[in-house]
Amino acid sequence: MRALAGAEFSVFGVRKESGGICFVTVPAQSPADRAGLRSNDLLQGVGERRIVPLADLPAPDSLVAGTTLLVIRDQARFASRFLDPVLQL
């Protein structure tokens, strides 16, 4: 994972004020993979919480199965729900 800065957000088709964390790589069969995340996805929200700086990412042990992840992939926004009881990022 890495935080983006400035014009890097334009690759995802969003403004920098929208925030988000980029998943550089997502290993196969990892909890993030099972949650539907892919390499180069931009995670913008977890549940009702917007992720602007990396510090906004909730602690992995605070997430429960069924939590909605708001993701930008190929400049399209979608929601994904993970089934793991804990998503370890």
N, C-alpha and C. Protein backbone atom coordinates (compact mmCIF):
# COMPACT_ATOMS: atom_id res chain seq x y z
N MET A 1 0.85 -1.17 0.00
CA MET A 1 0.00 0.00 0.00
C MET A 1 0.89 1.23 0.00
N ARG A 2 0.36 2.27 -0.61
CA ARG A 2 1.06 3.55 -0.52
C ARG A 2 0.08 4.69 -0.70
N ALA A 3 0.42 5.78 -0.05
CA ALA A 3 -0.38 7.00 -0.20
C ALA A 3 -0.01 7.66 -1.51
N LEU A 4 -0.98 8.28 -2.15
CA LEU A 4 -0.74 9.02 -3.39
C LEU A 4 -0.61 10.50 -3.07
N ALA A 5 -0.02 11.23 -4.01
CA ALA A 5 0.13 12.67 -3.83
C ALA A 5 -0.23 13.38 -5.12
N GLY A 6 -0.85 14.56 -4.99
CA GLY A 6 -1.11 15.46 -6.10
C GLY A 6 -1.72 14.81 -7.33
N ALA A 7 -1.01 14.96 -8.46
CA ALA A 7 -1.51 14.52 -9.76
C ALA A 7 -1.64 13.00 -9.88
N GLU A 8 -1.06 12.23 -8.97
CA GLU A 8 -1.18 10.77 -9.05
C GLU A 8 -2.63 10.32 -9.01
N PHE A 9 -3.50 11.08 -8.37
CA PHE A 9 -4.91 10.71 -8.29
C PHE A 9 -5.59 10.73 -9.66
N SER A 10 -5.07 11.56 -10.58
CA SER A 10 -5.70 11.67 -11.89
C SER A 10 -5.66 10.35 -12.66
N VAL A 11 -4.70 9.49 -12.37
CA VAL A 11 -4.63 8.17 -13.01
C VAL A 11 -5.90 7.37 -12.71
N PHE A 12 -6.47 7.60 -11.55
CA PHE A 12 -7.68 6.89 -11.13
C PHE A 12 -8.95 7.64 -11.52
N GLY A 13 -8.79 8.83 -12.06
CA GLY A 13 -9.96 9.62 -12.47
C GLY A 13 -10.65 10.29 -11.32
N VAL A 14 -9.93 10.55 -10.23
CA VAL A 14 -10.50 11.22 -9.06
C VAL A 14 -9.63 12.42 -8.69
N ARG A 15 -10.23 13.34 -7.94
CA ARG A 15 -9.48 14.49 -7.44
C ARG A 15 -8.67 14.08 -6.22
N LYS A 16 -7.56 14.76 -5.97
CA LYS A 16 -6.73 14.43 -4.81
C LYS A 16 -7.49 14.61 -3.50
N GLU A 17 -8.48 15.53 -3.49
CA GLU A 17 -9.27 15.75 -2.28
C GLU A 17 -10.12 14.52 -1.93
N SER A 18 -10.36 13.66 -2.93
CA SER A 18 -11.14 12.44 -2.70
C SER A 18 -10.38 11.44 -1.85
N GLY A 19 -9.05 11.53 -1.91
CA GLY A 19 -8.20 10.66 -1.11
C GLY A 19 -8.20 9.21 -1.54
N GLY A 20 -7.54 8.41 -0.77
CA GLY A 20 -7.47 6.99 -1.03
C GLY A 20 -6.06 6.44 -0.85
N ILE A 21 -5.99 5.14 -0.75
CA ILE A 21 -4.74 4.41 -0.59
C ILE A 21 -4.61 3.46 -1.77
N CYS A 22 -3.47 3.48 -2.42
CA CYS A 22 -3.23 2.60 -3.57
C CYS A 22 -2.65 1.26 -3.11
N PHE A 23 -3.26 0.19 -3.57
CA PHE A 23 -2.73 -1.15 -3.32
C PHE A 23 -1.78 -1.47 -4.47
N VAL A 24 -0.48 -1.36 -4.23
CA VAL A 24 0.51 -1.57 -5.27
C VAL A 24 0.48 -3.02 -5.73
N THR A 25 0.50 -3.94 -4.81
CA THR A 25 0.38 -5.36 -5.13
C THR A 25 -0.58 -6.01 -4.14
N VAL A 26 -1.32 -6.99 -4.63
CA VAL A 26 -2.22 -7.78 -3.78
C VAL A 26 -1.87 -9.24 -4.03
N PRO A 27 -1.21 -9.89 -3.07
CA PRO A 27 -0.84 -11.29 -3.26
C PRO A 27 -2.06 -12.19 -3.41
N ALA A 28 -1.93 -13.18 -4.28
CA ALA A 28 -3.01 -14.17 -4.48
C ALA A 28 -3.33 -14.85 -3.16
N GLN A 29 -4.61 -15.06 -2.93
CA GLN A 29 -5.13 -15.75 -1.75
C GLN A 29 -4.91 -14.98 -0.44
N SER A 30 -4.47 -13.74 -0.52
CA SER A 30 -4.34 -12.93 0.69
C SER A 30 -5.72 -12.45 1.11
N PRO A 31 -5.88 -12.00 2.34
CA PRO A 31 -7.18 -11.46 2.75
C PRO A 31 -7.65 -10.31 1.84
N ALA A 32 -6.73 -9.46 1.39
CA ALA A 32 -7.11 -8.37 0.49
C ALA A 32 -7.61 -8.93 -0.84
N ASP A 33 -6.97 -9.98 -1.33
CA ASP A 33 -7.41 -10.65 -2.57
C ASP A 33 -8.81 -11.23 -2.39
N ARG A 34 -9.04 -11.89 -1.27
CA ARG A 34 -10.36 -12.48 -1.00
C ARG A 34 -11.42 -11.40 -0.79
N ALA A 35 -10.99 -10.19 -0.44
CA ALA A 35 -11.92 -9.07 -0.30
C ALA A 35 -12.24 -8.45 -1.65
N GLY A 36 -11.59 -8.93 -2.71
CA GLY A 36 -11.88 -8.42 -4.04
C GLY A 36 -10.93 -7.33 -4.51
N LEU A 37 -9.93 -6.98 -3.69
CA LEU A 37 -8.97 -5.97 -4.10
C LEU A 37 -7.97 -6.55 -5.08
N ARG A 38 -7.48 -5.71 -5.98
CA ARG A 38 -6.50 -6.11 -6.98
C ARG A 38 -5.34 -5.11 -6.97
N SER A 39 -4.22 -5.52 -7.52
CA SER A 39 -3.09 -4.61 -7.64
C SER A 39 -3.52 -3.36 -8.39
N ASN A 40 -3.05 -2.23 -7.91
CA ASN A 40 -3.33 -0.91 -8.48
C ASN A 40 -4.75 -0.41 -8.23
N ASP A 41 -5.48 -1.03 -7.30
CA ASP A 41 -6.77 -0.49 -6.88
C ASP A 41 -6.52 0.68 -5.94
N LEU A 42 -7.46 1.62 -5.95
CA LEU A 42 -7.44 2.74 -5.01
C LEU A 42 -8.57 2.52 -4.02
N LEU A 43 -8.24 2.29 -2.77
CA LEU A 43 -9.22 2.12 -1.71
C LEU A 43 -9.57 3.50 -1.17
N GLN A 44 -10.85 3.89 -1.30
CA GLN A 44 -11.29 5.21 -0.85
C GLN A 44 -12.15 5.19 0.40
N GLY A 45 -12.65 4.05 0.78
CA GLY A 45 -13.48 4.01 1.96
C GLY A 45 -13.60 2.61 2.52
N VAL A 46 -13.79 2.55 3.83
CA VAL A 46 -14.02 1.29 4.53
C VAL A 46 -15.25 1.50 5.38
N GLY A 47 -16.32 0.79 5.03
CA GLY A 47 -17.59 1.03 5.70
C GLY A 47 -18.05 2.45 5.41
N GLU A 48 -18.39 3.18 6.43
CA GLU A 48 -18.83 4.57 6.29
C GLU A 48 -17.67 5.55 6.34
N ARG A 49 -16.47 5.04 6.54
CA ARG A 49 -15.30 5.89 6.75
C ARG A 49 -14.54 6.14 5.46
N ARG A 50 -14.35 7.41 5.10
CA ARG A 50 -13.54 7.78 3.94
C ARG A 50 -12.07 7.65 4.31
N ILE A 51 -11.27 7.19 3.37
CA ILE A 51 -9.83 7.06 3.58
C ILE A 51 -9.17 8.17 2.78
N VAL A 52 -8.68 9.19 3.46
CA VAL A 52 -8.00 10.27 2.76
C VAL A 52 -6.49 10.08 2.93
N PRO A 53 -5.89 10.31 4.12
CA PRO A 53 -4.50 9.93 4.27
C PRO A 53 -4.39 8.48 4.78
N LEU A 54 -3.22 7.90 4.64
CA LEU A 54 -2.98 6.53 5.09
C LEU A 54 -3.36 6.36 6.56
N ALA A 55 -3.18 7.39 7.35
CA ALA A 55 -3.50 7.33 8.78
C ALA A 55 -4.98 7.07 9.03
N ASP A 56 -5.85 7.34 8.04
CA ASP A 56 -7.29 7.10 8.20
C ASP A 56 -7.67 5.64 8.05
N LEU A 57 -6.75 4.80 7.57
CA LEU A 57 -7.06 3.39 7.38
C LEU A 57 -7.31 2.77 8.75
N PRO A 58 -8.46 2.13 8.96
CA PRO A 58 -8.76 1.55 10.26
C PRO A 58 -7.83 0.39 10.58
N ALA A 59 -7.66 0.13 11.86
CA ALA A 59 -6.85 -1.01 12.28
C ALA A 59 -7.50 -2.29 11.76
N PRO A 60 -6.69 -3.23 11.24
CA PRO A 60 -7.27 -4.46 10.67
C PRO A 60 -8.18 -5.21 11.63
N ASP A 61 -7.87 -5.20 12.94
CA ASP A 61 -8.70 -5.96 13.87
C ASP A 61 -10.04 -5.28 14.16
N SER A 62 -10.24 -4.07 13.61
CA SER A 62 -11.52 -3.39 13.82
C SER A 62 -12.54 -3.71 12.72
N LEU A 63 -12.12 -4.44 11.69
CA LEU A 63 -13.00 -4.73 10.56
C LEU A 63 -13.70 -6.07 10.77
N VAL A 64 -14.96 -6.13 10.35
CA VAL A 64 -15.73 -7.36 10.48
C VAL A 64 -16.20 -7.84 9.11
N ALA A 65 -16.52 -9.11 9.04
CA ALA A 65 -17.02 -9.67 7.78
C ALA A 65 -18.23 -8.86 7.31
N GLY A 66 -18.27 -8.63 6.00
CA GLY A 66 -19.38 -7.89 5.42
C GLY A 66 -19.14 -6.40 5.30
N THR A 67 -18.03 -5.90 5.82
CA THR A 67 -17.72 -4.49 5.69
C THR A 67 -17.56 -4.14 4.21
N THR A 68 -18.13 -3.02 3.80
CA THR A 68 -18.04 -2.57 2.42
C THR A 68 -16.76 -1.78 2.21
N LEU A 69 -16.05 -2.12 1.13
CA LEU A 69 -14.87 -1.38 0.72
C LEU A 69 -15.22 -0.58 -0.52
N LEU A 70 -14.93 0.72 -0.53
CA LEU A 70 -15.18 1.56 -1.70
C LEU A 70 -13.89 1.66 -2.49
N VAL A 71 -13.92 1.19 -3.73
CA VAL A 71 -12.71 1.00 -4.53
C VAL A 71 -12.85 1.69 -5.89
N ILE A 72 -11.73 2.24 -6.38
CA ILE A 72 -11.64 2.74 -7.74
C ILE A 72 -10.71 1.78 -8.50
N ARG A 73 -11.22 1.24 -9.60
CA ARG A 73 -10.42 0.34 -10.46
C ARG A 73 -10.70 0.74 -11.90
N ASP A 74 -9.64 0.97 -12.66
CA ASP A 74 -9.79 1.37 -14.06
C ASP A 74 -10.73 2.56 -14.21
N GLN A 75 -10.58 3.51 -13.32
CA GLN A 75 -11.36 4.75 -13.28
C GLN A 75 -12.85 4.54 -13.07
N ALA A 76 -13.22 3.39 -12.53
CA ALA A 76 -14.62 3.12 -12.20
C ALA A 76 -14.72 2.83 -10.71
N ARG A 77 -15.78 3.35 -10.09
CA ARG A 77 -16.00 3.16 -8.66
C ARG A 77 -16.92 1.95 -8.44
N PHE A 78 -16.56 1.13 -7.45
CA PHE A 78 -17.46 0.04 -7.08
C PHE A 78 -17.28 -0.29 -5.62
N ALA A 79 -18.22 -1.03 -5.08
CA ALA A 79 -18.17 -1.46 -3.69
C ALA A 79 -17.92 -2.96 -3.66
N SER A 80 -17.08 -3.38 -2.73
CA SER A 80 -16.77 -4.79 -2.54
C SER A 80 -16.98 -5.12 -1.07
N ARG A 81 -17.48 -6.29 -0.80
CA ARG A 81 -17.63 -6.73 0.60
C ARG A 81 -16.69 -7.90 0.82
N PHE A 82 -16.01 -7.87 1.94
CA PHE A 82 -15.12 -9.00 2.21
C PHE A 82 -15.77 -9.95 3.20
N LEU A 83 -15.37 -11.21 3.08
CA LEU A 83 -15.98 -12.26 3.89
C LEU A 83 -15.10 -12.69 5.05
N ASP A 84 -13.80 -12.35 4.99
CA ASP A 84 -12.92 -12.70 6.09
C ASP A 84 -13.34 -11.96 7.33
N PRO A 85 -13.27 -12.60 8.50
CA PRO A 85 -13.64 -11.88 9.73
C PRO A 85 -12.71 -10.72 10.00
N VAL A 86 -11.45 -10.81 9.56
CA VAL A 86 -10.50 -9.71 9.73
C VAL A 86 -9.74 -9.54 8.43
N LEU A 87 -9.70 -8.34 7.89
CA LEU A 87 -8.94 -8.04 6.68
C LEU A 87 -7.58 -7.53 7.12
N GLN A 88 -6.54 -8.29 6.88
CA GLN A 88 -5.19 -7.86 7.23
C GLN A 88 -4.55 -7.26 6.00
N LEU A 89 -4.31 -5.98 6.03
CA LEU A 89 -3.81 -5.26 4.87
C LEU A 89 -2.30 -5.22 4.85
